[in-house]
Amino acid sequence: MALAREHEMHKRRSGRNIGLAMVLLAFIALVFGLTIAKVSGGGTIEAFDHSYRPALDPATAIPMQE
């Protein structure tokens, strides 16, 4: 009996593995592209969710001049 003979199940698994690898690569490319688009937007990058910003605090805000 030859040990090198490939079973049909291995061929099907190989095809599924290649398909899954392509889907994962496409997902990684999508996330990378969205990240680059977000970072290169040109605006200021601030962490609004957990940082203190004095400009939003009414007690320390500088009054506007008219």
N, C-alpha and C. Protein backbone atom coordinates (compact mmCIF):
# COMPACT_ATOMS: atom_id res chain seq x y z
N MET A 1 0.84 -1.17 0.00
CA MET A 1 0.00 0.00 0.00
C MET A 1 0.89 1.25 0.00
N ALA A 2 0.62 2.17 -0.87
CA ALA A 2 1.43 3.38 -0.98
C ALA A 2 0.96 4.42 0.04
N LEU A 3 1.88 4.97 0.79
CA LEU A 3 1.53 5.97 1.78
C LEU A 3 1.43 7.37 1.18
N ALA A 4 2.00 7.58 0.02
CA ALA A 4 2.02 8.91 -0.59
C ALA A 4 0.74 9.22 -1.36
N ARG A 5 -0.14 8.24 -1.52
CA ARG A 5 -1.37 8.46 -2.27
C ARG A 5 -2.29 9.41 -1.50
N GLU A 6 -2.76 10.44 -2.20
CA GLU A 6 -3.60 11.44 -1.56
C GLU A 6 -5.07 11.03 -1.66
N HIS A 7 -5.74 11.09 -0.56
CA HIS A 7 -7.14 10.73 -0.52
C HIS A 7 -7.99 11.90 -1.05
N GLU A 8 -9.19 11.60 -1.51
CA GLU A 8 -10.08 12.63 -2.05
C GLU A 8 -10.46 13.66 -0.98
N MET A 9 -10.52 13.21 0.26
CA MET A 9 -10.85 14.11 1.35
C MET A 9 -9.79 15.21 1.51
N HIS A 10 -8.52 14.86 1.30
CA HIS A 10 -7.45 15.84 1.41
C HIS A 10 -7.54 16.89 0.32
N LYS A 11 -7.96 16.49 -0.87
CA LYS A 11 -8.12 17.44 -1.97
C LYS A 11 -9.24 18.43 -1.65
N ARG A 12 -10.34 17.95 -1.09
CA ARG A 12 -11.45 18.84 -0.72
C ARG A 12 -11.02 19.79 0.39
N ARG A 13 -10.31 19.27 1.39
CA ARG A 13 -9.84 20.11 2.47
C ARG A 13 -8.88 21.18 1.96
N SER A 14 -8.03 20.80 1.03
CA SER A 14 -7.07 21.74 0.47
C SER A 14 -7.80 22.89 -0.24
N GLY A 15 -8.84 22.56 -0.99
CA GLY A 15 -9.62 23.59 -1.66
C GLY A 15 -10.30 24.52 -0.68
N ARG A 16 -10.84 23.97 0.39
CA ARG A 16 -11.48 24.80 1.42
C ARG A 16 -10.46 25.67 2.14
N ASN A 17 -9.28 25.12 2.40
CA ASN A 17 -8.24 25.90 3.06
C ASN A 17 -7.79 27.07 2.19
N ILE A 18 -7.65 26.85 0.91
CA ILE A 18 -7.26 27.93 0.00
C ILE A 18 -8.36 28.99 -0.05
N GLY A 19 -9.61 28.57 -0.09
CA GLY A 19 -10.73 29.51 -0.08
C GLY A 19 -10.76 30.33 1.19
N LEU A 20 -10.55 29.69 2.32
CA LEU A 20 -10.54 30.40 3.60
C LEU A 20 -9.37 31.37 3.67
N ALA A 21 -8.22 30.98 3.16
CA ALA A 21 -7.06 31.87 3.14
C ALA A 21 -7.35 33.11 2.30
N MET A 22 -8.03 32.95 1.17
CA MET A 22 -8.36 34.10 0.33
C MET A 22 -9.35 35.03 1.03
N VAL A 23 -10.33 34.46 1.72
CA VAL A 23 -11.30 35.28 2.45
C VAL A 23 -10.61 36.05 3.57
N LEU A 24 -9.71 35.40 4.30
CA LEU A 24 -8.98 36.08 5.37
C LEU A 24 -8.09 37.19 4.82
N LEU A 25 -7.42 36.94 3.71
CA LEU A 25 -6.58 37.97 3.10
C LEU A 25 -7.42 39.15 2.62
N ALA A 26 -8.61 38.88 2.09
CA ALA A 26 -9.48 39.97 1.65
C ALA A 26 -9.95 40.79 2.86
N PHE A 27 -10.25 40.13 3.97
CA PHE A 27 -10.66 40.84 5.18
C PHE A 27 -9.53 41.71 5.72
N ILE A 28 -8.32 41.16 5.73
CA ILE A 28 -7.16 41.92 6.21
C ILE A 28 -6.92 43.12 5.31
N ALA A 29 -7.04 42.94 4.00
CA ALA A 29 -6.86 44.05 3.06
C ALA A 29 -7.92 45.13 3.28
N LEU A 30 -9.15 44.72 3.55
CA LEU A 30 -10.23 45.67 3.80
C LEU A 30 -9.97 46.48 5.07
N VAL A 31 -9.59 45.82 6.14
CA VAL A 31 -9.31 46.51 7.40
C VAL A 31 -8.10 47.44 7.22
N PHE A 32 -7.08 46.99 6.52
CA PHE A 32 -5.90 47.82 6.29
C PHE A 32 -6.27 49.05 5.47
N GLY A 33 -7.07 48.85 4.43
CA GLY A 33 -7.49 49.98 3.60
C GLY A 33 -8.32 50.99 4.36
N LEU A 34 -9.24 50.51 5.19
CA LEU A 34 -10.05 51.41 6.01
C LEU A 34 -9.19 52.16 7.03
N THR A 35 -8.20 51.48 7.57
CA THR A 35 -7.30 52.13 8.53
C THR A 35 -6.50 53.23 7.85
N ILE A 36 -5.97 52.95 6.68
CA ILE A 36 -5.20 53.95 5.95
C ILE A 36 -6.10 55.13 5.59
N ALA A 37 -7.31 54.88 5.17
CA ALA A 37 -8.23 55.97 4.82
C ALA A 37 -8.57 56.81 6.04
N LYS A 38 -8.73 56.18 7.18
CA LYS A 38 -9.06 56.91 8.41
C LYS A 38 -7.87 57.75 8.87
N VAL A 39 -6.69 57.20 8.84
CA VAL A 39 -5.51 57.89 9.33
C VAL A 39 -5.11 59.02 8.39
N SER A 40 -5.24 58.82 7.09
CA SER A 40 -4.81 59.84 6.14
C SER A 40 -5.91 60.85 5.86
N GLY A 41 -6.92 60.92 6.70
CA GLY A 41 -8.00 61.87 6.52
C GLY A 41 -7.56 63.30 6.70
N GLY A 42 -6.47 63.55 7.39
CA GLY A 42 -5.94 64.88 7.56
C GLY A 42 -6.44 65.60 8.79
N GLY A 43 -7.45 65.09 9.44
CA GLY A 43 -7.98 65.74 10.64
C GLY A 43 -7.15 65.40 11.86
N THR A 44 -7.49 66.05 12.95
CA THR A 44 -6.78 65.73 14.19
C THR A 44 -7.28 64.40 14.72
N ILE A 45 -6.37 63.67 15.28
CA ILE A 45 -6.72 62.37 15.84
C ILE A 45 -6.74 62.52 17.36
N GLU A 46 -7.91 62.43 17.94
CA GLU A 46 -8.05 62.55 19.38
C GLU A 46 -8.89 61.39 19.89
N ALA A 47 -8.60 60.96 21.09
CA ALA A 47 -9.36 59.89 21.71
C ALA A 47 -10.48 60.52 22.52
N PHE A 48 -11.61 60.73 21.90
CA PHE A 48 -12.71 61.41 22.56
C PHE A 48 -13.38 60.56 23.63
N ASP A 49 -13.15 59.29 23.62
CA ASP A 49 -13.88 58.43 24.53
C ASP A 49 -13.32 58.41 25.95
N HIS A 50 -12.07 58.77 26.14
CA HIS A 50 -11.52 58.66 27.49
C HIS A 50 -10.54 59.77 27.85
N SER A 51 -10.57 60.86 27.14
CA SER A 51 -9.64 61.94 27.47
C SER A 51 -10.41 63.18 27.93
N TYR A 52 -9.77 63.94 28.79
CA TYR A 52 -10.35 65.18 29.28
C TYR A 52 -9.99 66.30 28.32
N ARG A 53 -11.01 67.03 27.84
CA ARG A 53 -10.78 68.14 26.93
C ARG A 53 -11.33 69.40 27.58
N PRO A 54 -10.45 70.29 27.99
CA PRO A 54 -10.90 71.52 28.65
C PRO A 54 -11.84 72.35 27.79
N ALA A 55 -11.73 72.24 26.49
CA ALA A 55 -12.59 73.04 25.62
C ALA A 55 -14.06 72.69 25.79
N LEU A 56 -14.35 71.49 26.25
CA LEU A 56 -15.74 71.09 26.45
C LEU A 56 -16.24 71.32 27.87
N ASP A 57 -15.35 71.70 28.77
CA ASP A 57 -15.73 71.94 30.15
C ASP A 57 -16.20 73.38 30.29
N PRO A 58 -17.49 73.60 30.62
CA PRO A 58 -18.00 74.98 30.71
C PRO A 58 -17.31 75.80 31.79
N ALA A 59 -16.79 75.17 32.83
CA ALA A 59 -16.16 75.92 33.92
C ALA A 59 -14.81 76.50 33.49
N THR A 60 -14.12 75.85 32.58
CA THR A 60 -12.80 76.32 32.16
C THR A 60 -12.77 76.86 30.75
N ALA A 61 -13.92 76.92 30.11
CA ALA A 61 -13.96 77.39 28.72
C ALA A 61 -13.67 78.89 28.65
N ILE A 62 -12.96 79.27 27.62
CA ILE A 62 -12.65 80.68 27.41
C ILE A 62 -13.86 81.34 26.75
N PRO A 63 -14.36 82.43 27.32
CA PRO A 63 -15.54 83.07 26.72
C PRO A 63 -15.20 83.65 25.34
N MET A 64 -16.15 83.56 24.44
CA MET A 64 -15.95 84.08 23.09
C MET A 64 -16.04 85.61 23.10
N GLN A 65 -15.19 86.23 22.33
CA GLN A 65 -15.20 87.69 22.22
C GLN A 65 -16.11 88.09 21.09
N GLU A 66 -16.85 89.15 21.31
CA GLU A 66 -17.79 89.60 20.28
C GLU A 66 -17.25 90.76 19.53
